[in-house]
């Protein structure tokens, strides 16, 4: 996590006025004399719109790309996941079979699995599958996913 914070995550850029800070990832503007220590932890984008179908999800994923994201990974819980790549491919994933035990941390596990998958082989599509399997394995467990459970579920990801 420290590596992510220091070497991967873009740092917020301060505009010419020191009373306003803009996040280089999502465009969120913070007004204040000093940048809060947790600014990087509270980046969010709220389009204030209910997403009714996959077309809506892809549309807003592309909005995030317009704001600077290169790739957008969206978990839809029990409805699978969508990955919109930098080159505009839309990749959909099913949900592996399992019983929901605890969804806390499943999204973070999905991101962690995606990063681990990408670092392992550099293939975005395989990284996406690893992310879905890891998030699902965490959701189907009391605690966090185990490696064995991740690889078991990975076989079910299409």
Protein backbone atom coordinates (compact mmCIF):
# COMPACT_ATOMS: atom_id res chain seq x y z
CA UNK A 1 0.00 0.00 0.00
CA UNK A 2 2.84 2.39 0.82
CA UNK A 3 4.36 1.72 -2.61
CA UNK A 4 0.99 2.51 -4.23
CA UNK A 5 0.69 5.74 -2.25
CA UNK A 6 4.22 6.93 -3.00
CA UNK A 7 5.02 5.60 -6.46
CA UNK A 8 1.87 4.77 -8.42
CA UNK A 9 -0.99 6.99 -7.27
CA UNK A 10 -0.82 10.43 -8.92
CA UNK A 11 -0.29 13.25 -6.47
CA UNK A 12 -2.90 16.03 -6.32
CA UNK A 13 -1.85 19.15 -8.14
CA UNK A 14 -2.28 22.54 -6.49
CA UNK A 15 -3.56 25.30 -8.74
CA UNK A 16 -1.93 28.71 -8.63
CA UNK A 17 -4.11 29.70 -5.67
CA UNK A 18 -3.11 27.84 -2.49
CA UNK A 19 -6.73 27.89 -1.32
CA UNK A 20 -7.94 25.25 -3.75
CA UNK A 21 -6.60 21.77 -4.60
CA UNK A 22 -7.70 19.60 -7.52
CA UNK A 23 -7.26 15.84 -7.64
CA UNK A 24 -5.35 14.83 -10.78
CA UNK A 25 -7.28 11.54 -10.94
CA UNK A 26 -10.94 12.51 -10.56
CA UNK A 27 -10.97 16.31 -10.65
CA UNK A 28 -12.36 16.66 -7.12
CA UNK A 29 -11.66 20.17 -5.81
CA UNK A 30 -10.83 20.76 -2.16
CA UNK A 31 -11.16 24.32 -0.87
CA UNK A 32 -8.94 25.21 2.07
CA UNK A 33 -5.62 26.66 3.18
CA UNK A 34 -3.86 23.31 3.49
CA UNK A 35 -4.30 19.99 1.75
CA UNK A 36 -5.73 17.53 4.31
CA UNK A 37 -3.56 14.50 5.08
CA UNK A 38 -6.32 12.10 3.99
CA UNK A 39 -7.11 13.87 0.70
CA UNK A 40 -5.84 10.94 -1.38
CA UNK A 41 -7.98 8.50 0.60
CA UNK A 42 -11.25 10.32 -0.08
CA UNK A 43 -11.21 10.67 -3.85
CA UNK A 44 -14.58 9.89 -5.31
CA UNK A 45 -16.75 10.72 -8.26
CA UNK A 46 -20.50 11.07 -7.80
CA UNK A 47 -22.41 11.53 -11.04
CA UNK A 48 -25.68 11.70 -9.04
CA UNK A 49 -27.30 9.34 -11.52
CA UNK A 50 -28.83 5.89 -11.11
CA UNK A 51 -27.22 3.38 -13.43
CA UNK A 52 -30.03 1.25 -14.85
CA UNK A 53 -28.20 -1.07 -17.23
CA UNK A 54 -24.80 -2.00 -18.64
CA UNK A 55 -25.00 0.73 -21.29
CA UNK A 56 -25.26 3.32 -18.50
CA UNK A 57 -22.31 1.73 -16.70
CA UNK A 58 -20.13 1.81 -19.81
CA UNK A 59 -21.22 5.40 -20.56
CA UNK A 60 -20.12 6.59 -17.12
CA UNK A 61 -16.96 4.48 -17.24
CA UNK A 62 -16.08 6.45 -20.36
CA UNK A 63 -16.85 9.69 -18.48
CA UNK A 64 -14.25 8.62 -15.90
CA UNK A 65 -11.83 8.02 -18.75
CA UNK A 66 -12.53 11.53 -20.05
CA UNK A 67 -11.59 12.77 -16.57
CA UNK A 68 -8.21 11.03 -16.79
CA UNK A 69 -8.67 7.37 -15.90
CA UNK A 70 -6.96 5.04 -18.37
CA UNK A 71 -8.82 1.85 -17.47
CA UNK A 72 -12.04 1.53 -15.45
CA UNK A 73 -12.91 -1.55 -13.42
CA UNK A 74 -16.52 -1.81 -12.20
CA UNK A 75 -17.83 -4.41 -9.78
CA UNK A 76 -21.55 -5.09 -9.99
CA UNK A 77 -21.57 -7.47 -7.03
CA UNK A 78 -23.78 -10.46 -7.89
CA UNK A 79 -24.21 -9.25 -11.48
CA UNK A 80 -20.55 -9.63 -12.46
CA UNK A 81 -18.08 -6.97 -13.46
CA UNK A 82 -17.21 -4.73 -16.39
CA UNK A 83 -13.77 -3.57 -17.44
CA UNK A 84 -13.40 -0.67 -19.90
CA UNK A 85 -9.86 -0.55 -21.20
CA UNK A 86 -7.70 2.33 -22.35
CA UNK A 87 -8.24 1.20 -25.96
CA UNK A 88 -12.05 1.19 -25.41
CA UNK A 89 -12.58 -2.55 -25.17
CA UNK A 90 -15.52 -3.45 -22.95
CA UNK A 91 -14.90 -6.75 -21.18
CA UNK A 92 -17.68 -8.35 -19.13
CA UNK A 93 -17.34 -11.05 -16.52
CA UNK A 94 -19.72 -13.50 -14.99
CA UNK A 95 -19.84 -14.22 -11.27
CA UNK A 96 -18.44 -17.55 -10.10
CA UNK A 97 -20.74 -19.77 -8.08
CA UNK A 98 -20.62 -19.35 -4.34
CA UNK A 99 -22.51 -18.23 -1.28
CA UNK A 100 -22.12 -14.64 -0.12
CA UNK A 101 -20.66 -14.72 3.39
CA UNK A 102 -19.24 -11.23 3.83
CA UNK A 103 -18.94 -8.55 1.14
CA UNK A 104 -16.76 -6.25 3.27
CA UNK A 105 -13.45 -5.86 1.48
CA UNK A 106 -14.55 -7.67 -1.69
CA UNK A 107 -14.09 -4.56 -3.85
CA UNK A 108 -10.66 -3.89 -2.39
CA UNK A 109 -9.80 -7.55 -2.95
CA UNK A 110 -10.93 -7.21 -6.56
CA UNK A 111 -8.56 -4.28 -7.08
CA UNK A 112 -5.73 -6.12 -5.32
CA UNK A 113 -6.31 -9.23 -7.43
CA UNK A 114 -6.36 -7.13 -10.58
CA UNK A 115 -3.05 -5.49 -9.70
CA UNK A 116 -1.46 -8.82 -8.73
CA UNK A 117 -2.70 -10.40 -11.97
CA UNK A 118 -1.35 -7.54 -14.05
CA UNK A 119 2.02 -7.55 -12.30
CA UNK A 120 2.18 -11.32 -12.81
CA UNK A 121 1.75 -11.35 -16.59
CA UNK A 122 1.04 -7.83 -17.93
CA UNK A 123 -2.23 -8.93 -19.56
CA UNK A 124 -5.17 -6.66 -18.69
CA UNK A 125 -7.84 -9.23 -19.54
CA UNK A 126 -6.22 -11.92 -17.39
CA UNK A 127 -5.72 -9.35 -14.63
CA UNK A 128 -9.44 -8.55 -14.80
CA UNK A 129 -10.32 -12.24 -14.38
CA UNK A 130 -7.92 -12.51 -11.43
CA UNK A 131 -9.55 -9.44 -9.87
CA UNK A 132 -13.05 -10.89 -10.23
CA UNK A 133 -11.92 -14.23 -8.78
CA UNK A 134 -10.16 -12.54 -5.84
CA UNK A 135 -13.10 -10.25 -5.02
CA UNK A 136 -15.50 -13.17 -5.25
CA UNK A 137 -13.27 -15.38 -3.08
CA UNK A 138 -13.29 -12.68 -0.39
CA UNK A 139 -17.07 -12.29 -0.62
CA UNK A 140 -17.48 -16.06 -0.21
CA UNK A 141 -15.20 -16.17 2.87
CA UNK A 142 -15.33 -15.14 6.54
CA UNK A 143 -12.10 -13.20 6.09
CA UNK A 144 -10.01 -12.39 3.06
CA UNK A 145 -9.58 -14.66 0.07
CA UNK A 146 -7.13 -17.53 0.12
CA UNK A 147 -4.90 -18.30 -2.84
CA UNK A 148 -6.50 -21.75 -3.22
CA UNK A 149 -10.03 -20.28 -3.31
CA UNK A 150 -8.98 -17.61 -5.83
CA UNK A 151 -7.54 -20.20 -8.23
CA UNK A 152 -10.55 -22.46 -7.76
CA UNK A 153 -12.92 -19.62 -8.74
CA UNK A 154 -10.64 -18.40 -11.54
CA UNK A 155 -11.56 -21.54 -13.50
CA UNK A 156 -15.21 -20.34 -13.57
CA UNK A 157 -14.50 -16.82 -14.87
CA UNK A 158 -15.38 -16.49 -18.57
